[in-house]
PDB file of N, CA and C in Angstrom:
ATOM      1  N   UNK A   1     123.512  96.605  86.907  1.00  0.00           N
ATOM      2  CA  UNK A   1     122.465  97.060  86.025  1.00  0.00           C
ATOM      3  C   UNK A   1     122.141  96.053  84.955  1.00  0.00           C
ATOM      4  N   UNK A   2     122.264  94.818  85.291  1.00  0.00           N
ATOM      5  CA  UNK A   2     122.018  93.723  84.363  1.00  0.00           C
ATOM      6  C   UNK A   2     120.617  93.786  83.750  1.00  0.00           C
ATOM      7  N   UNK A   3     119.601  94.034  84.549  1.00  0.00           N
ATOM      8  CA  UNK A   3     118.236  94.042  84.035  1.00  0.00           C
ATOM      9  C   UNK A   3     117.754  95.439  83.691  1.00  0.00           C
ATOM     10  N   UNK A   4     118.367  96.456  84.248  1.00  0.00           N
ATOM     11  CA  UNK A   4     117.961  97.833  83.973  1.00  0.00           C
ATOM     12  C   UNK A   4     118.572  98.339  82.674  1.00  0.00           C
ATOM     13  N   UNK A   5     119.675  97.784  82.266  1.00  0.00           N
ATOM     14  CA  UNK A   5     120.310  98.175  81.018  1.00  0.00           C
ATOM     15  C   UNK A   5     121.374  99.234  81.174  1.00  0.00           C
ATOM     16  N   UNK A   6     121.238 100.092  82.167  1.00  0.00           N
ATOM     17  CA  UNK A   6     122.211 101.163  82.383  1.00  0.00           C
ATOM     18  C   UNK A   6     121.988 101.748  83.771  1.00  0.00           C
ATOM     19  N   UNK A   7     122.906 102.624  84.180  1.00  0.00           N
ATOM     20  CA  UNK A   7     122.733 103.301  85.465  1.00  0.00           C
ATOM     21  C   UNK A   7     121.453 104.123  85.471  1.00  0.00           C
ATOM     22  N   UNK A   8     121.211 104.835  84.391  1.00  0.00           N
ATOM     23  CA  UNK A   8     120.011 105.673  84.296  1.00  0.00           C
ATOM     24  C   UNK A   8     118.738 104.816  84.337  1.00  0.00           C
ATOM     25  N   UNK A   9     118.775 103.681  83.651  1.00  0.00           N
ATOM     26  CA  UNK A   9     117.646 102.756  83.686  1.00  0.00           C
ATOM     27  C   UNK A   9     117.405 102.233  85.093  1.00  0.00           C
ATOM     28  N   UNK A  10     118.479 101.973  85.814  1.00  0.00           N
ATOM     29  CA  UNK A  10     118.365 101.533  87.201  1.00  0.00           C
ATOM     30  C   UNK A  10     117.751 102.588  88.093  1.00  0.00           C
ATOM     31  N   UNK A  11     118.122 103.836  87.870  1.00  0.00           N
ATOM     32  CA  UNK A  11     117.544 104.934  88.652  1.00  0.00           C
ATOM     33  C   UNK A  11     116.051 105.072  88.377  1.00  0.00           C
ATOM     34  N   UNK A  12     115.669 104.957  87.120  1.00  0.00           N
ATOM     35  CA  UNK A  12     114.244 105.051  86.765  1.00  0.00           C
ATOM     36  C   UNK A  12     113.463 103.885  87.363  1.00  0.00           C
ATOM     37  N   UNK A  13     114.037 102.692  87.284  1.00  0.00           N
ATOM     38  CA  UNK A  13     113.372 101.522  87.857  1.00  0.00           C
ATOM     39  C   UNK A  13     113.203 101.691  89.364  1.00  0.00           C
ATOM     40  N   UNK A  14     114.230 102.198  90.039  1.00  0.00           N
ATOM     41  CA  UNK A  14     114.151 102.405  91.483  1.00  0.00           C
ATOM     42  C   UNK A  14     113.057 103.410  91.832  1.00  0.00           C
ATOM     43  N   UNK A  15     112.922 104.466  91.045  1.00  0.00           N
ATOM     44  CA  UNK A  15     111.865 105.457  91.287  1.00  0.00           C
ATOM     45  C   UNK A  15     110.486 104.817  91.124  1.00  0.00           C
ATOM     46  N   UNK A  16     110.318 104.008  90.091  1.00  0.00           N
ATOM     47  CA  UNK A  16     109.030 103.339  89.872  1.00  0.00           C
ATOM     48  C   UNK A  16     108.741 102.328  90.980  1.00  0.00           C
ATOM     49  N   UNK A  17     109.742 101.550  91.381  1.00  0.00           N
ATOM     50  CA  UNK A  17     109.543 100.589  92.466  1.00  0.00           C
ATOM     51  C   UNK A  17     109.116 101.312  93.735  1.00  0.00           C
ATOM     52  N   UNK A  18     109.724 102.454  94.003  1.00  0.00           N
ATOM     53  CA  UNK A  18     109.390 103.233  95.187  1.00  0.00           C
ATOM     54  C   UNK A  18     107.935 103.702  95.145  1.00  0.00           C
ATOM     55  N   UNK A  19     107.493 104.197  93.992  1.00  0.00           N
ATOM     56  CA  UNK A  19     106.107 104.651  93.864  1.00  0.00           C
ATOM     57  C   UNK A  19     105.126 103.487  93.981  1.00  0.00           C
ATOM     58  N   UNK A  20     105.466 102.345  93.415  1.00  0.00           N
ATOM     59  CA  UNK A  20     104.586 101.178  93.485  1.00  0.00           C
ATOM     60  C   UNK A  20     104.448 100.685  94.923  1.00  0.00           C
ATOM     61  N   UNK A  21     105.548 100.612  95.648  1.00  0.00           N
ATOM     62  CA  UNK A  21     105.494 100.184  97.046  1.00  0.00           C
ATOM     63  C   UNK A  21     104.741 101.213  97.883  1.00  0.00           C
ATOM     64  N   UNK A  22     104.918 102.489  97.587  1.00  0.00           N
ATOM     65  CA  UNK A  22     104.188 103.530  98.306  1.00  0.00           C
ATOM     66  C   UNK A  22     102.692 103.382  98.086  1.00  0.00           C
ATOM     67  N   UNK A  23     102.277 103.075  96.871  1.00  0.00           N
ATOM     68  CA  UNK A  23     100.854 102.843  96.596  1.00  0.00           C
ATOM     69  C   UNK A  23     100.349 101.670  97.437  1.00  0.00           C
ATOM     70  N   UNK A  24     101.106 100.580  97.466  1.00  0.00           N
ATOM     71  CA  UNK A  24     100.702  99.418  98.262  1.00  0.00           C
ATOM     72  C   UNK A  24     100.584  99.771  99.739  1.00  0.00           C
ATOM     73  N   UNK A  25     101.519 100.573 100.245  1.00  0.00           N
ATOM     74  CA  UNK A  25     101.491 100.966 101.654  1.00  0.00           C
ATOM     75  C   UNK A  25     100.292 101.853 101.980  1.00  0.00           C
ATOM     76  N   UNK A  26      99.721 102.489 100.971  1.00  0.00           N
ATOM     77  CA  UNK A  26      98.544 103.336 101.151  1.00  0.00           C
ATOM     78  C   UNK A  26      97.259 102.607 100.740  1.00  0.00           C
ATOM     79  N   UNK A  27      97.324 101.282 100.685  1.00  0.00           N
ATOM     80  CA  UNK A  27      96.177 100.431 100.341  1.00  0.00           C
ATOM     81  C   UNK A  27      95.549 100.797  99.006  1.00  0.00           C
ATOM     82  N   UNK A  28      96.395 101.089  98.026  1.00  0.00           N
ATOM     83  CA  UNK A  28      95.958 101.430  96.675  1.00  0.00           C
ATOM     84  C   UNK A  28      96.498 100.370  95.729  1.00  0.00           C
ATOM     85  N   UNK A  29      95.665  99.934  94.803  1.00  0.00           N
ATOM     86  CA  UNK A  29      96.101  98.985  93.781  1.00  0.00           C
ATOM     87  C   UNK A  29      97.092  99.706  92.868  1.00  0.00           C
ATOM     88  N   UNK A  30      98.368  99.314  92.874  1.00  0.00           N
ATOM     89  CA  UNK A  30      99.372 100.023  92.079  1.00  0.00           C
ATOM     90  C   UNK A  30      99.053 100.065  90.590  1.00  0.00           C
ATOM     91  N   UNK A  31      98.485  98.994  90.054  1.00  0.00           N
ATOM     92  CA  UNK A  31      98.171  98.968  88.629  1.00  0.00           C
ATOM     93  C   UNK A  31      97.061  99.964  88.302  1.00  0.00           C
ATOM     94  N   UNK A  32      96.026 100.031  89.136  1.00  0.00           N
ATOM     95  CA  UNK A  32      94.937 100.993  88.913  1.00  0.00           C
ATOM     96  C   UNK A  32      95.457 102.418  89.050  1.00  0.00           C
ATOM     97  N   UNK A  33      96.296 102.656  90.064  1.00  0.00           N
ATOM     98  CA  UNK A  33      96.852 103.998  90.283  1.00  0.00           C
ATOM     99  C   UNK A  33      97.695 104.432  89.084  1.00  0.00           C
ATOM    100  N   UNK A  34      98.612 103.566  88.655  1.00  0.00           N
ATOM    101  CA  UNK A  34      99.507 103.929  87.561  1.00  0.00           C
ATOM    102  C   UNK A  34      98.739 104.139  86.258  1.00  0.00           C
ATOM    103  N   UNK A  35      97.783 103.269  85.959  1.00  0.00           N
ATOM    104  CA  UNK A  35      96.991 103.419  84.733  1.00  0.00           C
ATOM    105  C   UNK A  35      96.213 104.733  84.751  1.00  0.00           C
ATOM    106  N   UNK A  36      95.617 105.062  85.894  1.00  0.00           N
ATOM    107  CA  UNK A  36      94.847 106.301  86.006  1.00  0.00           C
ATOM    108  C   UNK A  36      95.750 107.527  85.890  1.00  0.00           C
ATOM    109  N   UNK A  37      96.874 107.505  86.581  1.00  0.00           N
ATOM    110  CA  UNK A  37      97.796 108.645  86.545  1.00  0.00           C
ATOM    111  C   UNK A  37      98.345 108.855  85.135  1.00  0.00           C
ATOM    112  N   UNK A  38      98.723 107.788  84.460  1.00  0.00           N
ATOM    113  CA  UNK A  38      99.247 107.932  83.101  1.00  0.00           C
ATOM    114  C   UNK A  38      98.189 108.480  82.147  1.00  0.00           C
ATOM    115  N   UNK A  39      96.928 108.119  82.368  1.00  0.00           N
ATOM    116  CA  UNK A  39      95.852 108.623  81.518  1.00  0.00           C
ATOM    117  C   UNK A  39      95.558 110.097  81.787  1.00  0.00           C
ATOM    118  N   UNK A  40      95.778 110.559  83.025  1.00  0.00           N
ATOM    119  CA  UNK A  40      95.406 111.918  83.419  1.00  0.00           C
ATOM    120  C   UNK A  40      96.542 112.929  83.390  1.00  0.00           C
ATOM    121  N   UNK A  41      97.779 112.487  83.453  1.00  0.00           N
ATOM    122  CA  UNK A  41      98.887 113.400  83.730  1.00  0.00           C
ATOM    123  C   UNK A  41      99.087 114.477  82.661  1.00  0.00           C
ATOM    124  N   UNK A  42      98.848 114.161  81.404  1.00  0.00           N
ATOM    125  CA  UNK A  42      99.083 115.143  80.335  1.00  0.00           C
ATOM    126  C   UNK A  42      98.176 116.361  80.474  1.00  0.00           C
ATOM    127  N   UNK A  43      96.951 116.167  80.933  1.00  0.00           N
ATOM    128  CA  UNK A  43      96.023 117.282  81.070  1.00  0.00           C
ATOM    129  C   UNK A  43      95.910 117.814  82.484  1.00  0.00           C
ATOM    130  N   UNK A  44      96.741 117.312  83.379  1.00  0.00           N
ATOM    131  CA  UNK A  44      96.661 117.714  84.789  1.00  0.00           C
ATOM    132  C   UNK A  44      97.479 118.979  85.014  1.00  0.00           C
ATOM    133  N   UNK A  45      96.939 119.946  85.760  1.00  0.00           N
ATOM    134  CA  UNK A  45      97.697 121.181  86.012  1.00  0.00           C
ATOM    135  C   UNK A  45      99.002 120.895  86.775  1.00  0.00           C
ATOM    136  N   UNK A  46     100.074 121.497  86.331  1.00  0.00           N
ATOM    137  CA  UNK A  46     101.386 121.270  86.950  1.00  0.00           C
ATOM    138  C   UNK A  46     101.399 121.679  88.418  1.00  0.00           C
ATOM    139  N   UNK A  47     100.659 122.718  88.765  1.00  0.00           N
ATOM    140  CA  UNK A  47     100.674 123.177  90.160  1.00  0.00           C
ATOM    141  C   UNK A  47      99.887 122.240  91.085  1.00  0.00           C
ATOM    142  N   UNK A  48      99.196 121.253  90.523  1.00  0.00           N
ATOM    143  CA  UNK A  48      98.448 120.289  91.336  1.00  0.00           C
ATOM    144  C   UNK A  48      98.959 118.864  91.124  1.00  0.00           C
ATOM    145  N   UNK A  49     100.210 118.736  90.710  1.00  0.00           N
ATOM    146  CA  UNK A  49     100.777 117.415  90.421  1.00  0.00           C
ATOM    147  C   UNK A  49     100.811 116.531  91.673  1.00  0.00           C
ATOM    148  N   UNK A  50     100.874 117.146  92.849  1.00  0.00           N
ATOM    149  CA  UNK A  50     100.864 116.376  94.099  1.00  0.00           C
ATOM    150  C   UNK A  50      99.589 115.552  94.254  1.00  0.00           C
ATOM    151  N   UNK A  51      98.500 115.965  93.599  1.00  0.00           N
ATOM    152  CA  UNK A  51      97.243 115.209  93.668  1.00  0.00           C
ATOM    153  C   UNK A  51      97.402 113.797  93.115  1.00  0.00           C
ATOM    154  N   UNK A  52      98.385 113.593  92.264  1.00  0.00           N
ATOM    155  CA  UNK A  52      98.561 112.299  91.606  1.00  0.00           C
ATOM    156  C   UNK A  52      99.497 111.358  92.362  1.00  0.00           C
ATOM    157  N   UNK A  53     100.127 111.834  93.423  1.00  0.00           N
ATOM    158  CA  UNK A  53     100.992 110.973  94.224  1.00  0.00           C
ATOM    159  C   UNK A  53     100.130 109.954  94.965  1.00  0.00           C
ATOM    160  N   UNK A  54     100.649 108.768  95.206  1.00  0.00           N
ATOM    161  CA  UNK A  54      99.822 107.702  95.776  1.00  0.00           C
ATOM    162  C   UNK A  54      99.073 108.083  97.055  1.00  0.00           C
ATOM    163  N   UNK A  55      99.675 108.833  97.952  1.00  0.00           N
ATOM    164  CA  UNK A  55      99.009 109.149  99.215  1.00  0.00           C
ATOM    165  C   UNK A  55      97.930 110.221  99.062  1.00  0.00           C
ATOM    166  N   UNK A  56      97.878 110.918  97.938  1.00  0.00           N
ATOM    167  CA  UNK A  56      96.837 111.919  97.684  1.00  0.00           C
ATOM    168  C   UNK A  56      95.833 111.471  96.633  1.00  0.00           C
ATOM    169  N   UNK A  57      96.153 110.429  95.893  1.00  0.00           N
ATOM    170  CA  UNK A  57      95.374 110.020  94.724  1.00  0.00           C
ATOM    171  C   UNK A  57      94.030 109.436  95.094  1.00  0.00           C
ATOM    172  N   UNK A  58      93.037 109.857  94.364  1.00  0.00           N
ATOM    173  CA  UNK A  58      91.721 109.240  94.418  1.00  0.00           C
ATOM    174  C   UNK A  58      91.277 109.055  92.982  1.00  0.00           C
ATOM    175  N   UNK A  59      90.856 107.866  92.647  1.00  0.00           N
ATOM    176  CA  UNK A  59      90.450 107.592  91.271  1.00  0.00           C
ATOM    177  C   UNK A  59      89.246 108.455  90.920  1.00  0.00           C
ATOM    178  N   UNK A  60      89.329 109.097  89.768  1.00  0.00           N
ATOM    179  CA  UNK A  60      88.235 109.936  89.295  1.00  0.00           C
ATOM    180  C   UNK A  60      87.152 109.046  88.704  1.00  0.00           C
ATOM    181  N   UNK A  61      85.894 109.401  88.957  1.00  0.00           N
ATOM    182  CA  UNK A  61      84.827 108.606  88.348  1.00  0.00           C
ATOM    183  C   UNK A  61      84.864 108.746  86.830  1.00  0.00           C
ATOM    184  N   UNK A  62      84.429 107.721  86.144  1.00  0.00           N
ATOM    185  CA  UNK A  62      84.395 107.765  84.677  1.00  0.00           C
ATOM    186  C   UNK A  62      83.446 108.868  84.241  1.00  0.00           C
ATOM    187  N   UNK A  63      83.861 109.622  83.250  1.00  0.00           N
ATOM    188  CA  UNK A  63      82.999 110.691  82.761  1.00  0.00           C
ATOM    189  C   UNK A  63      81.878 110.083  81.938  1.00  0.00           C
ATOM    190  N   UNK A  64      80.706 110.659  82.084  1.00  0.00           N
ATOM    191  CA  UNK A  64      79.551 110.175  81.343  1.00  0.00           C
ATOM    192  C   UNK A  64      79.067 111.264  80.424  1.00  0.00           C
ATOM    193  N   UNK A  65      78.509 110.865  79.318  1.00  0.00           N
ATOM    194  CA  UNK A  65      77.987 111.835  78.358  1.00  0.00           C
ATOM    195  C   UNK A  65      76.724 112.466  78.936  1.00  0.00           C
ATOM    196  N   UNK A  66      76.603 113.756  78.760  1.00  0.00           N
ATOM    197  CA  UNK A  66      75.433 114.485  79.249  1.00  0.00           C
ATOM    198  C   UNK A  66      74.419 114.544  78.120  1.00  0.00           C
ATOM    199  N   UNK A  67      73.197 114.155  78.434  1.00  0.00           N
ATOM    200  CA  UNK A  67      72.147 114.178  77.410  1.00  0.00           C
ATOM    201  C   UNK A  67      71.790 115.620  77.082  1.00  0.00           C
ATOM    202  N   UNK A  68      71.614 115.907  75.797  1.00  0.00           N
ATOM    203  CA  UNK A  68      71.305 117.271  75.370  1.00  0.00           C
ATOM    204  C   UNK A  68      69.832 117.544  75.410  1.00  0.00           C
TER     205      UNK A  68
END
């Protein structure tokens, strides 16, 4: 755990590496996927969390202001 800092840090790093490689295997840019998921996860319904996994993820279009 030289670079992870601890066993727990190593486990977290392994989980992230796994998700990043999974995104690549699904032809998804890992950086775009992670940035989008981190921006959306707080307001995302818990019962639909699977939507954010790399194999289900689709980038949401940017929201635009509606003219009044």
